[in-house]
Amino acid sequence: VQLVESGGGLVQPGESLRLSCAASGLTFSSYVMSWHRQVPGKEREFIAAIGNPVTSIYYSDSLKGRFTISRDNAKNMVFLQMNSLKPEDTAVYYCKATSRSKYWGQGTQVTVSP
């Protein structure tokens, strides 16, 4: 099983980024996909999760409204659209696949700085 995140980078406050996570080696449609983030020295934080059917979507209360999760089962991919980014959104962003087993990607760095 492999989860590969991409789309991170350096942006200015107020800008947007779209993260992607490509999954392989698993029956993608059977997994709940989620995004998390982590700042050094802090616990990994839940952002959003999306099940299948895609009507099952959950967000962190603190991030709901700026971040949007989506998935494309035909392409085995999950996305995180991040708008109105703030410096406090700076973190490593991870995708996770959850079913009977759990798998994590290696993460992608997002840095929000003037």
PDB file of N, CA and C in Angstrom:
ATOM      1  N   VAL A   1       0.852  -1.187   0.000  1.00  0.00           N
ATOM      2  CA  VAL A   1       0.000   0.000   0.000  1.00  0.00           C
ATOM      3  C   VAL A   1       0.889   1.240   0.000  1.00  0.00           C
ATOM      4  N   GLN A   2       0.534   2.178  -0.827  1.00  0.00           N
ATOM      5  CA  GLN A   2       1.304   3.420  -0.885  1.00  0.00           C
ATOM      6  C   GLN A   2       0.349   4.603  -0.992  1.00  0.00           C
ATOM      7  N   LEU A   3       0.595   5.610  -0.159  1.00  0.00           N
ATOM      8  CA  LEU A   3      -0.116   6.874  -0.229  1.00  0.00           C
ATOM      9  C   LEU A   3       0.924   7.962  -0.472  1.00  0.00           C
ATOM     10  N   VAL A   4       0.731   8.739  -1.524  1.00  0.00           N
ATOM     11  CA  VAL A   4       1.714   9.756  -1.879  1.00  0.00           C
ATOM     12  C   VAL A   4       1.017  11.108  -1.964  1.00  0.00           C
ATOM     13  N   GLU A   5       1.394  11.997  -1.036  1.00  0.00           N
ATOM     14  CA  GLU A   5       0.832  13.343  -1.040  1.00  0.00           C
ATOM     15  C   GLU A   5       1.637  14.252  -1.947  1.00  0.00           C
ATOM     16  N   SER A   6       0.985  15.251  -2.493  1.00  0.00           N
ATOM     17  CA  SER A   6       1.658  16.257  -3.311  1.00  0.00           C
ATOM     18  C   SER A   6       0.855  17.547  -3.252  1.00  0.00           C
ATOM     19  N   GLY A   7       1.468  18.621  -3.722  1.00  0.00           N
ATOM     20  CA  GLY A   7       0.772  19.895  -3.793  1.00  0.00           C
ATOM     21  C   GLY A   7       1.156  20.895  -2.720  1.00  0.00           C
ATOM     22  N   GLY A   8       1.993  20.485  -1.780  1.00  0.00           N
ATOM     23  CA  GLY A   8       2.426  21.407  -0.756  1.00  0.00           C
ATOM     24  C   GLY A   8       3.397  22.435  -1.317  1.00  0.00           C
ATOM     25  N   GLY A   9       3.719  23.423  -0.483  1.00  0.00           N
ATOM     26  CA  GLY A   9       4.655  24.438  -0.904  1.00  0.00           C
ATOM     27  C   GLY A   9       4.592  25.658  -0.017  1.00  0.00           C
ATOM     28  N   LEU A  10       5.203  26.718  -0.506  1.00  0.00           N
ATOM     29  CA  LEU A  10       5.245  27.991   0.212  1.00  0.00           C
ATOM     30  C   LEU A  10       4.241  28.957  -0.418  1.00  0.00           C
ATOM     31  N   VAL A  11       3.325  29.464   0.393  1.00  0.00           N
ATOM     32  CA  VAL A  11       2.344  30.424  -0.089  1.00  0.00           C
ATOM     33  C   VAL A  11       2.249  31.580   0.892  1.00  0.00           C
ATOM     34  N   GLN A  12       1.644  32.669   0.435  1.00  0.00           N
ATOM     35  CA  GLN A  12       1.434  33.819   1.295  1.00  0.00           C
ATOM     36  C   GLN A  12       0.081  33.710   1.991  1.00  0.00           C
ATOM     37  N   PRO A  13      -0.069  34.377   3.110  1.00  0.00           N
ATOM     38  CA  PRO A  13      -1.375  34.379   3.793  1.00  0.00           C
ATOM     39  C   PRO A  13      -2.480  34.841   2.853  1.00  0.00           C
ATOM     40  N   GLY A  14      -3.612  34.158   2.948  1.00  0.00           N
ATOM     41  CA  GLY A  14      -4.754  34.467   2.106  1.00  0.00           C
ATOM     42  C   GLY A  14      -4.824  33.678   0.822  1.00  0.00           C
ATOM     43  N   GLU A  15      -3.731  33.041   0.450  1.00  0.00           N
ATOM     44  CA  GLU A  15      -3.717  32.254  -0.779  1.00  0.00           C
ATOM     45  C   GLU A  15      -4.306  30.863  -0.556  1.00  0.00           C
ATOM     46  N   SER A  16      -4.387  30.107  -1.642  1.00  0.00           N
ATOM     47  CA  SER A  16      -4.983  28.767  -1.604  1.00  0.00           C
ATOM     48  C   SER A  16      -3.988  27.723  -2.079  1.00  0.00           C
ATOM     49  N   LEU A  17      -4.212  26.516  -1.645  1.00  0.00           N
ATOM     50  CA  LEU A  17      -3.462  25.345  -2.119  1.00  0.00           C
ATOM     51  C   LEU A  17      -4.419  24.177  -2.228  1.00  0.00           C
ATOM     52  N   ARG A  18      -4.110  23.294  -3.166  1.00  0.00           N
ATOM     53  CA  ARG A  18      -4.861  22.051  -3.280  1.00  0.00           C
ATOM     54  C   ARG A  18      -3.889  20.900  -3.129  1.00  0.00           C
ATOM     55  N   LEU A  19      -4.069  20.126  -2.090  1.00  0.00           N
ATOM     56  CA  LEU A  19      -3.250  18.940  -1.865  1.00  0.00           C
ATOM     57  C   LEU A  19      -3.907  17.728  -2.503  1.00  0.00           C
ATOM     58  N   SER A  20      -3.064  16.829  -2.996  1.00  0.00           N
ATOM     59  CA  SER A  20      -3.535  15.584  -3.582  1.00  0.00           C
ATOM     60  C   SER A  20      -2.866  14.421  -2.876  1.00  0.00           C
ATOM     61  N   CYS A  21      -3.572  13.316  -2.834  1.00  0.00           N
ATOM     62  CA  CYS A  21      -3.023  12.074  -2.288  1.00  0.00           C
ATOM     63  C   CYS A  21      -3.402  10.949  -3.237  1.00  0.00           C
ATOM     64  N   ALA A  22      -2.388  10.318  -3.803  1.00  0.00           N
ATOM     65  CA  ALA A  22      -2.606   9.205  -4.716  1.00  0.00           C
ATOM     66  C   ALA A  22      -2.400   7.899  -3.964  1.00  0.00           C
ATOM     67  N   ALA A  23      -3.378   7.028  -4.035  1.00  0.00           N
ATOM     68  CA  ALA A  23      -3.333   5.760  -3.319  1.00  0.00           C
ATOM     69  C   ALA A  23      -3.144   4.608  -4.291  1.00  0.00           C
ATOM     70  N   SER A  24      -2.372   3.617  -3.864  1.00  0.00           N
ATOM     71  CA  SER A  24      -2.189   2.420  -4.677  1.00  0.00           C
ATOM     72  C   SER A  24      -2.026   1.222  -3.758  1.00  0.00           C
ATOM     73  N   GLY A  25      -2.355   0.041  -4.284  1.00  0.00           N
ATOM     74  CA  GLY A  25      -2.179  -1.183  -3.522  1.00  0.00           C
ATOM     75  C   GLY A  25      -3.304  -1.499  -2.560  1.00  0.00           C
ATOM     76  N   LEU A  26      -4.415  -0.806  -2.679  1.00  0.00           N
ATOM     77  CA  LEU A  26      -5.566  -1.063  -1.806  1.00  0.00           C
ATOM     78  C   LEU A  26      -6.844  -0.869  -2.611  1.00  0.00           C
ATOM     79  N   THR A  27      -7.935  -1.419  -2.080  1.00  0.00           N
ATOM     80  CA  THR A  27      -9.247  -1.214  -2.697  1.00  0.00           C
ATOM     81  C   THR A  27      -9.750   0.136  -2.213  1.00  0.00           C
ATOM     82  N   PHE A  28      -9.434   1.147  -2.985  1.00  0.00           N
ATOM     83  CA  PHE A  28      -9.590   2.532  -2.527  1.00  0.00           C
ATOM     84  C   PHE A  28     -11.015   2.832  -2.067  1.00  0.00           C
ATOM     85  N   SER A  29     -11.992   2.360  -2.795  1.00  0.00           N
ATOM     86  CA  SER A  29     -13.386   2.709  -2.487  1.00  0.00           C
ATOM     87  C   SER A  29     -13.840   2.138  -1.144  1.00  0.00           C
ATOM     88  N   SER A  30     -13.072   1.191  -0.603  1.00  0.00           N
ATOM     89  CA  SER A  30     -13.449   0.578   0.676  1.00  0.00           C
ATOM     90  C   SER A  30     -12.902   1.338   1.874  1.00  0.00           C
ATOM     91  N   TYR A  31     -12.115   2.340   1.614  1.00  0.00           N
ATOM     92  CA  TYR A  31     -11.423   3.052   2.687  1.00  0.00           C
ATOM     93  C   TYR A  31     -12.021   4.430   2.943  1.00  0.00           C
ATOM     94  N   VAL A  32     -12.078   4.766   4.208  1.00  0.00           N
ATOM     95  CA  VAL A  32     -12.302   6.152   4.594  1.00  0.00           C
ATOM     96  C   VAL A  32     -10.969   6.872   4.437  1.00  0.00           C
ATOM     97  N   MET A  33     -10.977   7.980   3.724  1.00  0.00           N
ATOM     98  CA  MET A  33      -9.761   8.755   3.504  1.00  0.00           C
ATOM     99  C   MET A  33      -9.825  10.025   4.341  1.00  0.00           C
ATOM    100  N   SER A  34      -8.719  10.401   4.902  1.00  0.00           N
ATOM    101  CA  SER A  34      -8.708  11.583   5.745  1.00  0.00           C
ATOM    102  C   SER A  34      -7.405  12.352   5.587  1.00  0.00           C
ATOM    103  N   TRP A  35      -7.458  13.596   6.004  1.00  0.00           N
ATOM    104  CA  TRP A  35      -6.290  14.470   6.019  1.00  0.00           C
ATOM    105  C   TRP A  35      -6.018  14.884   7.470  1.00  0.00           C
ATOM    106  N   HIS A  36      -4.736  14.964   7.767  1.00  0.00           N
ATOM    107  CA  HIS A  36      -4.278  15.368   9.081  1.00  0.00           C
ATOM    108  C   HIS A  36      -3.069  16.269   8.900  1.00  0.00           C
ATOM    109  N   ARG A  37      -2.705  16.980   9.947  1.00  0.00           N
ATOM    110  CA  ARG A  37      -1.503  17.798   9.852  1.00  0.00           C
ATOM    111  C   ARG A  37      -0.772  17.775  11.186  1.00  0.00           C
ATOM    112  N   GLN A  38       0.514  18.078  11.103  1.00  0.00           N
ATOM    113  CA  GLN A  38       1.337  18.043  12.310  1.00  0.00           C
ATOM    114  C   GLN A  38       2.394  19.116  12.268  1.00  0.00           C
ATOM    115  N   VAL A  39       2.513  19.803  13.387  1.00  0.00           N
ATOM    116  CA  VAL A  39       3.562  20.785  13.601  1.00  0.00           C
ATOM    117  C   VAL A  39       4.586  20.142  14.529  1.00  0.00           C
ATOM    118  N   PRO A  40       5.875  20.342  14.290  1.00  0.00           N
ATOM    119  CA  PRO A  40       6.891  19.739  15.168  1.00  0.00           C
ATOM    120  C   PRO A  40       6.614  20.037  16.631  1.00  0.00           C
ATOM    121  N   GLY A  41       6.663  18.986  17.437  1.00  0.00           N
ATOM    122  CA  GLY A  41       6.450  19.140  18.866  1.00  0.00           C
ATOM    123  C   GLY A  41       5.004  19.066  19.298  1.00  0.00           C
ATOM    124  N   LYS A  42       4.091  18.937  18.332  1.00  0.00           N
ATOM    125  CA  LYS A  42       2.669  18.845  18.658  1.00  0.00           C
ATOM    126  C   LYS A  42       2.078  17.557  18.107  1.00  0.00           C
ATOM    127  N   GLU A  43       0.911  17.192  18.643  1.00  0.00           N
ATOM    128  CA  GLU A  43       0.239  15.990  18.176  1.00  0.00           C
ATOM    129  C   GLU A  43      -0.332  16.202  16.779  1.00  0.00           C
ATOM    130  N   ARG A  44      -0.471  15.110  16.065  1.00  0.00           N
ATOM    131  CA  ARG A  44      -1.076  15.177  14.744  1.00  0.00           C
ATOM    132  C   ARG A  44      -2.551  15.562  14.899  1.00  0.00           C
ATOM    133  N   GLU A  45      -2.990  16.476  14.042  1.00  0.00           N
ATOM    134  CA  GLU A  45      -4.326  17.061  14.161  1.00  0.00           C
ATOM    135  C   GLU A  45      -5.205  16.585  13.020  1.00  0.00           C
ATOM    136  N   PHE A  46      -6.414  16.168  13.333  1.00  0.00           N
ATOM    137  CA  PHE A  46      -7.394  15.772  12.323  1.00  0.00           C
ATOM    138  C   PHE A  46      -7.925  17.007  11.596  1.00  0.00           C
ATOM    139  N   ILE A  47      -8.045  16.894  10.255  1.00  0.00           N
ATOM    140  CA  ILE A  47      -8.597  17.985   9.464  1.00  0.00           C
ATOM    141  C   ILE A  47      -9.972  17.605   8.921  1.00  0.00           C
ATOM    142  N   ALA A  48     -10.019  16.507   8.166  1.00  0.00           N
ATOM    143  CA  ALA A  48     -11.265  16.129   7.507  1.00  0.00           C
ATOM    144  C   ALA A  48     -11.192  14.671   7.083  1.00  0.00           C
ATOM    145  N   ALA A  49     -12.360  14.063   6.941  1.00  0.00           N
ATOM    146  CA  ALA A  49     -12.458  12.680   6.487  1.00  0.00           C
ATOM    147  C   ALA A  49     -13.611  12.559   5.510  1.00  0.00           C
ATOM    148  N   ILE A  50     -13.443  11.625   4.579  1.00  0.00           N
ATOM    149  CA  ILE A  50     -14.489  11.391   3.586  1.00  0.00           C
ATOM    150  C   ILE A  50     -14.637   9.900   3.384  1.00  0.00           C
ATOM    151  N   GLY A  51     -15.876   9.434   3.504  1.00  0.00           N
ATOM    152  CA  GLY A  51     -16.142   8.016   3.325  1.00  0.00           C
ATOM    153  C   GLY A  51     -16.631   7.727   1.923  1.00  0.00           C
ATOM    154  N   ASN A  52     -17.237   6.588   1.793  1.00  0.00           N
ATOM    155  CA  ASN A  52     -17.815   6.188   0.516  1.00  0.00           C
ATOM    156  C   ASN A  52     -19.137   5.504   0.793  1.00  0.00           C
ATOM    157  N   PRO A  53     -20.301   6.061   0.455  1.00  0.00           N
ATOM    158  CA  PRO A  53     -20.430   7.170  -0.493  1.00  0.00           C
ATOM    159  C   PRO A  53     -19.896   8.486   0.046  1.00  0.00           C
ATOM    160  N   VAL A  54     -19.654   9.410  -0.871  1.00  0.00           N
ATOM    161  CA  VAL A  54     -18.993  10.649  -0.494  1.00  0.00           C
ATOM    162  C   VAL A  54     -19.892  11.596   0.278  1.00  0.00           C
ATOM    163  N   THR A  55     -21.104  11.160   0.572  1.00  0.00           N
ATOM    164  CA  THR A  55     -21.959  11.984   1.427  1.00  0.00           C
ATOM    165  C   THR A  55     -21.479  11.942   2.872  1.00  0.00           C
ATOM    166  N   SER A  56     -20.598  10.998   3.185  1.00  0.00           N
ATOM    167  CA  SER A  56     -20.072  10.896   4.548  1.00  0.00           C
ATOM    168  C   SER A  56     -18.809  11.729   4.640  1.00  0.00           C
ATOM    169  N   ILE A  57     -18.940  12.956   5.060  1.00  0.00           N
ATOM    170  CA  ILE A  57     -17.817  13.886   5.164  1.00  0.00           C
ATOM    171  C   ILE A  57     -17.826  14.521   6.543  1.00  0.00           C
ATOM    172  N   TYR A  58     -16.656  14.602   7.133  1.00  0.00           N
ATOM    173  CA  TYR A  58     -16.524  15.174   8.469  1.00  0.00           C
ATOM    174  C   TYR A  58     -15.349  16.148   8.472  1.00  0.00           C
ATOM    175  N   TYR A  59     -15.504  17.225   9.217  1.00  0.00           N
ATOM    176  CA  TYR A  59     -14.467  18.248   9.324  1.00  0.00           C
ATOM    177  C   TYR A  59     -14.187  18.572  10.781  1.00  0.00           C
ATOM    178  N   SER A  60     -12.944  18.970  11.010  1.00  0.00           N
ATOM    179  CA  SER A  60     -12.611  19.592  12.280  1.00  0.00           C
ATOM    180  C   SER A  60     -13.410  20.884  12.394  1.00  0.00           C
ATOM    181  N   ASP A  61     -14.001  21.106  13.533  1.00  0.00           N
ATOM    182  CA  ASP A  61     -14.805  22.318  13.708  1.00  0.00           C
ATOM    183  C   ASP A  61     -13.989  23.579  13.468  1.00  0.00           C
ATOM    184  N   SER A  62     -12.722  23.537  13.832  1.00  0.00           N
ATOM    185  CA  SER A  62     -11.897  24.740  13.725  1.00  0.00           C
ATOM    186  C   SER A  62     -11.476  25.054  12.296  1.00  0.00           C
ATOM    187  N   LEU A  63     -11.584  24.060  11.409  1.00  0.00           N
ATOM    188  CA  LEU A  63     -11.124  24.261  10.041  1.00  0.00           C
ATOM    189  C   LEU A  63     -12.255  24.236   9.019  1.00  0.00           C
ATOM    190  N   LYS A  64     -13.412  23.816   9.465  1.00  0.00           N
ATOM    191  CA  LYS A  64     -14.554  23.750   8.560  1.00  0.00           C
ATOM    192  C   LYS A  64     -14.850  25.134   8.003  1.00  0.00           C
ATOM    193  N   GLY A  65     -15.059  25.189   6.695  1.00  0.00           N
ATOM    194  CA  GLY A  65     -15.341  26.460   6.041  1.00  0.00           C
ATOM    195  C   GLY A  65     -14.189  26.942   5.180  1.00  0.00           C
ATOM    196  N   ARG A  66     -12.960  26.660   5.571  1.00  0.00           N
ATOM    197  CA  ARG A  66     -11.806  27.044   4.762  1.00  0.00           C
ATOM    198  C   ARG A  66     -11.236  25.859   3.995  1.00  0.00           C
ATOM    199  N   PHE A  67     -11.416  24.647   4.534  1.00  0.00           N
ATOM    200  CA  PHE A  67     -10.849  23.451   3.919  1.00  0.00           C
ATOM    201  C   PHE A  67     -11.985  22.579   3.388  1.00  0.00           C
ATOM    202  N   THR A  68     -11.756  21.974   2.227  1.00  0.00           N
ATOM    203  CA  THR A  68     -12.744  21.092   1.616  1.00  0.00           C
ATOM    204  C   THR A  68     -12.069  19.804   1.161  1.00  0.00           C
ATOM    205  N   ILE A  69     -12.603  18.685   1.599  1.00  0.00           N
ATOM    206  CA  ILE A  69     -12.074  17.378   1.196  1.00  0.00           C
ATOM    207  C   ILE A  69     -12.939  16.806   0.088  1.00  0.00           C
ATOM    208  N   SER A  70     -12.306  16.089  -0.828  1.00  0.00           N
ATOM    209  CA  SER A  70     -13.040  15.414  -1.892  1.00  0.00           C
ATOM    210  C   SER A  70     -12.242  14.181  -2.301  1.00  0.00           C
ATOM    211  N   ARG A  71     -12.874  13.301  -3.054  1.00  0.00           N
ATOM    212  CA  ARG A  71     -12.199  12.102  -3.524  1.00  0.00           C
ATOM    213  C   ARG A  71     -12.659  11.762  -4.924  1.00  0.00           C
ATOM    214  N   ASP A  72     -11.789  11.062  -5.642  1.00  0.00           N
ATOM    215  CA  ASP A  72     -12.088  10.561  -6.976  1.00  0.00           C
ATOM    216  C   ASP A  72     -11.790   9.073  -6.958  1.00  0.00           C
ATOM    217  N   ASN A  73     -12.827   8.271  -6.790  1.00  0.00           N
ATOM    218  CA  ASN A  73     -12.622   6.829  -6.673  1.00  0.00           C
ATOM    219  C   ASN A  73     -12.094   6.219  -7.976  1.00  0.00           C
ATOM    220  N   ALA A  74     -12.402   6.829  -9.107  1.00  0.00           N
ATOM    221  CA  ALA A  74     -11.920   6.300 -10.383  1.00  0.00           C
ATOM    222  C   ALA A  74     -10.400   6.456 -10.511  1.00  0.00           C
ATOM    223  N   LYS A  75      -9.853   7.490  -9.848  1.00  0.00           N
ATOM    224  CA  LYS A  75      -8.417   7.751  -9.931  1.00  0.00           C
ATOM    225  C   LYS A  75      -7.672   7.374  -8.660  1.00  0.00           C
ATOM    226  N   ASN A  76      -8.389   6.842  -7.683  1.00  0.00           N
ATOM    227  CA  ASN A  76      -7.782   6.480  -6.387  1.00  0.00           C
ATOM    228  C   ASN A  76      -7.077   7.677  -5.753  1.00  0.00           C
ATOM    229  N   MET A  77      -7.775   8.790  -5.728  1.00  0.00           N
ATOM    230  CA  MET A  77      -7.157   9.997  -5.195  1.00  0.00           C
ATOM    231  C   MET A  77      -8.101  10.709  -4.227  1.00  0.00           C
ATOM    232  N   VAL A  78      -7.500  11.394  -3.275  1.00  0.00           N
ATOM    233  CA  VAL A  78      -8.233  12.245  -2.352  1.00  0.00           C
ATOM    234  C   VAL A  78      -7.557  13.609  -2.365  1.00  0.00           C
ATOM    235  N   PHE A  79      -8.360  14.644  -2.182  1.00  0.00           N
ATOM    236  CA  PHE A  79      -7.878  16.005  -2.306  1.00  0.00           C
ATOM    237  C   PHE A  79      -8.242  16.822  -1.080  1.00  0.00           C
ATOM    238  N   LEU A  80      -7.461  17.866  -0.846  1.00  0.00           N
ATOM    239  CA  LEU A  80      -7.790  18.823   0.197  1.00  0.00           C
ATOM    240  C   LEU A  80      -7.599  20.223  -0.387  1.00  0.00           C
ATOM    241  N   GLN A  81      -8.693  20.912  -0.575  1.00  0.00           N
ATOM    242  CA  GLN A  81      -8.652  22.291  -1.034  1.00  0.00           C
ATOM    243  C   GLN A  81      -8.576  23.189   0.193  1.00  0.00           C
ATOM    244  N   MET A  82      -7.533  24.015   0.240  1.00  0.00           N
ATOM    245  CA  MET A  82      -7.317  24.896   1.388  1.00  0.00           C
ATOM    246  C   MET A  82      -7.354  26.338   0.919  1.00  0.00           C
ATOM    247  N   ASN A  83      -8.274  27.088   1.465  1.00  0.00           N
ATOM    248  CA  ASN A  83      -8.440  28.489   1.091  1.00  0.00           C
ATOM    249  C   ASN A  83      -8.129  29.410   2.272  1.00  0.00           C
ATOM    250  N   SER A  84      -7.872  30.667   1.944  1.00  0.00           N
ATOM    251  CA  SER A  84      -7.614  31.681   2.975  1.00  0.00           C
ATOM    252  C   SER A  84      -6.589  31.195   3.988  1.00  0.00           C
ATOM    253  N   LEU A  85      -5.479  30.719   3.480  1.00  0.00           N
ATOM    254  CA  LEU A  85      -4.470  30.126   4.349  1.00  0.00           C
ATOM    255  C   LEU A  85      -3.869  31.156   5.298  1.00  0.00           C
ATOM    256  N   LYS A  86      -3.531  30.686   6.489  1.00  0.00           N
ATOM    257  CA  LYS A  86      -2.981  31.509   7.544  1.00  0.00           C
ATOM    258  C   LYS A  86      -1.622  30.962   7.952  1.00  0.00           C
ATOM    259  N   PRO A  87      -0.774  31.790   8.541  1.00  0.00           N
ATOM    260  CA  PRO A  87       0.532  31.271   8.999  1.00  0.00           C
ATOM    261  C   PRO A  87       0.396  30.078   9.938  1.00  0.00           C
ATOM    262  N   GLU A  88      -0.648  30.036  10.730  1.00  0.00           N
ATOM    263  CA  GLU A  88      -0.839  28.918  11.659  1.00  0.00           C
ATOM    264  C   GLU A  88      -1.235  27.628  10.959  1.00  0.00           C
ATOM    265  N   ASP A  89      -1.491  27.680   9.660  1.00  0.00           N
ATOM    266  CA  ASP A  89      -1.739  26.460   8.889  1.00  0.00           C
ATOM    267  C   ASP A  89      -0.434  25.783   8.459  1.00  0.00           C
ATOM    268  N   THR A  90       0.679  26.413   8.738  1.00  0.00           N
ATOM    269  CA  THR A  90       1.974  25.823   8.410  1.00  0.00           C
ATOM    270  C   THR A  90       2.149  24.501   9.161  1.00  0.00           C
ATOM    271  N   ALA A  91       2.394  23.448   8.418  1.00  0.00           N
ATOM    272  CA  ALA A  91       2.504  22.111   9.007  1.00  0.00           C
ATOM    273  C   ALA A  91       2.876  21.126   7.907  1.00  0.00           C
ATOM    274  N   VAL A  92       3.147  19.907   8.318  1.00  0.00           N
ATOM    275  CA  VAL A  92       3.234  18.795   7.370  1.00  0.00           C
ATOM    276  C   VAL A  92       1.852  18.162   7.301  1.00  0.00           C
ATOM    277  N   TYR A  93       1.353  17.998   6.098  1.00  0.00           N
ATOM    278  CA  TYR A  93       0.010  17.474   5.868  1.00  0.00           C
ATOM    279  C   TYR A  93       0.103  16.031   5.396  1.00  0.00           C
ATOM    280  N   TYR A  94      -0.710  15.184   6.039  1.00  0.00           N
ATOM    281  CA  TYR A  94      -0.683  13.752   5.761  1.00  0.00           C
ATOM    282  C   TYR A  94      -2.056  13.269   5.322  1.00  0.00           C
ATOM    283  N   CYS A  95      -2.076  12.321   4.411  1.00  0.00           N
ATOM    284  CA  CYS A  95      -3.330  11.625   4.153  1.00  0.00           C
ATOM    285  C   CYS A  95      -3.265  10.243   4.797  1.00  0.00           C
ATOM    286  N   LYS A  96      -4.435   9.735   5.084  1.00  0.00           N
ATOM    287  CA  LYS A  96      -4.565   8.462   5.801  1.00  0.00           C
ATOM    288  C   LYS A  96      -5.695   7.669   5.192  1.00  0.00           C
ATOM    289  N   ALA A  97      -5.482   6.377   5.078  1.00  0.00           N
ATOM    290  CA  ALA A  97      -6.514   5.456   4.609  1.00  0.00           C
ATOM    291  C   ALA A  97      -6.896   4.533   5.753  1.00  0.00           C
ATOM    292  N   THR A  98      -8.178   4.448   6.035  1.00  0.00           N
ATOM    293  CA  THR A  98      -8.646   3.659   7.170  1.00  0.00           C
ATOM    294  C   THR A  98      -9.722   2.684   6.743  1.00  0.00           C
ATOM    295  N   SER A  99      -9.493   1.432   7.068  1.00  0.00           N
ATOM    296  CA  SER A  99     -10.517   0.398   6.959  1.00  0.00           C
ATOM    297  C   SER A  99     -10.194  -0.569   8.095  1.00  0.00           C
ATOM    298  N   ARG A 100     -10.062  -1.842   7.833  1.00  0.00           N
ATOM    299  CA  ARG A 100      -9.586  -2.742   8.875  1.00  0.00           C
ATOM    300  C   ARG A 100      -8.134  -2.428   9.218  1.00  0.00           C
ATOM    301  N   SER A 101      -7.396  -1.938   8.227  1.00  0.00           N
ATOM    302  CA  SER A 101      -6.019  -1.483   8.424  1.00  0.00           C
ATOM    303  C   SER A 101      -5.958   0.024   8.243  1.00  0.00           C
ATOM    304  N   LYS A 102      -4.853   0.592   8.707  1.00  0.00           N
ATOM    305  CA  LYS A 102      -4.642   2.024   8.567  1.00  0.00           C
ATOM    306  C   LYS A 102      -3.298   2.264   7.903  1.00  0.00           C
ATOM    307  N   TYR A 103      -3.292   3.219   6.970  1.00  0.00           N
ATOM    308  CA  TYR A 103      -2.064   3.544   6.264  1.00  0.00           C
ATOM    309  C   TYR A 103      -1.906   5.064   6.212  1.00  0.00           C
ATOM    310  N   TRP A 104      -0.661   5.496   6.311  1.00  0.00           N
ATOM    311  CA  TRP A 104      -0.323   6.909   6.254  1.00  0.00           C
ATOM    312  C   TRP A 104       0.595   7.185   5.072  1.00  0.00           C
ATOM    313  N   GLY A 105       0.456   8.382   4.513  1.00  0.00           N
ATOM    314  CA  GLY A 105       1.416   8.849   3.539  1.00  0.00           C
ATOM    315  C   GLY A 105       2.634   9.436   4.238  1.00  0.00           C
ATOM    316  N   GLN A 106       3.588   9.892   3.437  1.00  0.00           N
ATOM    317  CA  GLN A 106       4.830  10.413   4.002  1.00  0.00           C
ATOM    318  C   GLN A 106       4.733  11.896   4.352  1.00  0.00           C
ATOM    319  N   GLY A 107       3.678  12.542   3.886  1.00  0.00           N
ATOM    320  CA  GLY A 107       3.458  13.941   4.213  1.00  0.00           C
ATOM    321  C   GLY A 107       3.978  14.905   3.170  1.00  0.00           C
ATOM    322  N   THR A 108       3.383  16.081   3.152  1.00  0.00           N
ATOM    323  CA  THR A 108       3.840  17.162   2.282  1.00  0.00           C
ATOM    324  C   THR A 108       3.829  18.455   3.095  1.00  0.00           C
ATOM    325  N   GLN A 109       4.896  19.218   2.957  1.00  0.00           N
ATOM    326  CA  GLN A 109       5.053  20.436   3.760  1.00  0.00           C
ATOM    327  C   GLN A 109       4.251  21.579   3.158  1.00  0.00           C
ATOM    328  N   VAL A 110       3.503  22.247   4.018  1.00  0.00           N
ATOM    329  CA  VAL A 110       2.817  23.488   3.646  1.00  0.00           C
ATOM    330  C   VAL A 110       3.346  24.594   4.546  1.00  0.00           C
ATOM    331  N   THR A 111       3.834  25.645   3.935  1.00  0.00           N
ATOM    332  CA  THR A 111       4.352  26.786   4.682  1.00  0.00           C
ATOM    333  C   THR A 111       3.614  28.041   4.226  1.00  0.00           C
ATOM    334  N   VAL A 112       3.018  28.719   5.185  1.00  0.00           N
ATOM    335  CA  VAL A 112       2.284  29.953   4.900  1.00  0.00           C
ATOM    336  C   VAL A 112       3.046  31.098   5.563  1.00  0.00           C
ATOM    337  N   SER A 113       3.612  31.956   4.742  1.00  0.00           N
ATOM    338  CA  SER A 113       4.461  33.018   5.272  1.00  0.00           C
ATOM    339  C   SER A 113       4.442  34.217   4.335  1.00  0.00           C
ATOM    340  N   PRO A 114       4.465  35.431   4.898  1.00  0.00           N
ATOM    341  CA  PRO A 114       4.483  36.635   4.034  1.00  0.00           C
ATOM    342  C   PRO A 114       5.735  36.677   3.155  1.00  0.00           C
TER     343      PRO A 114
END
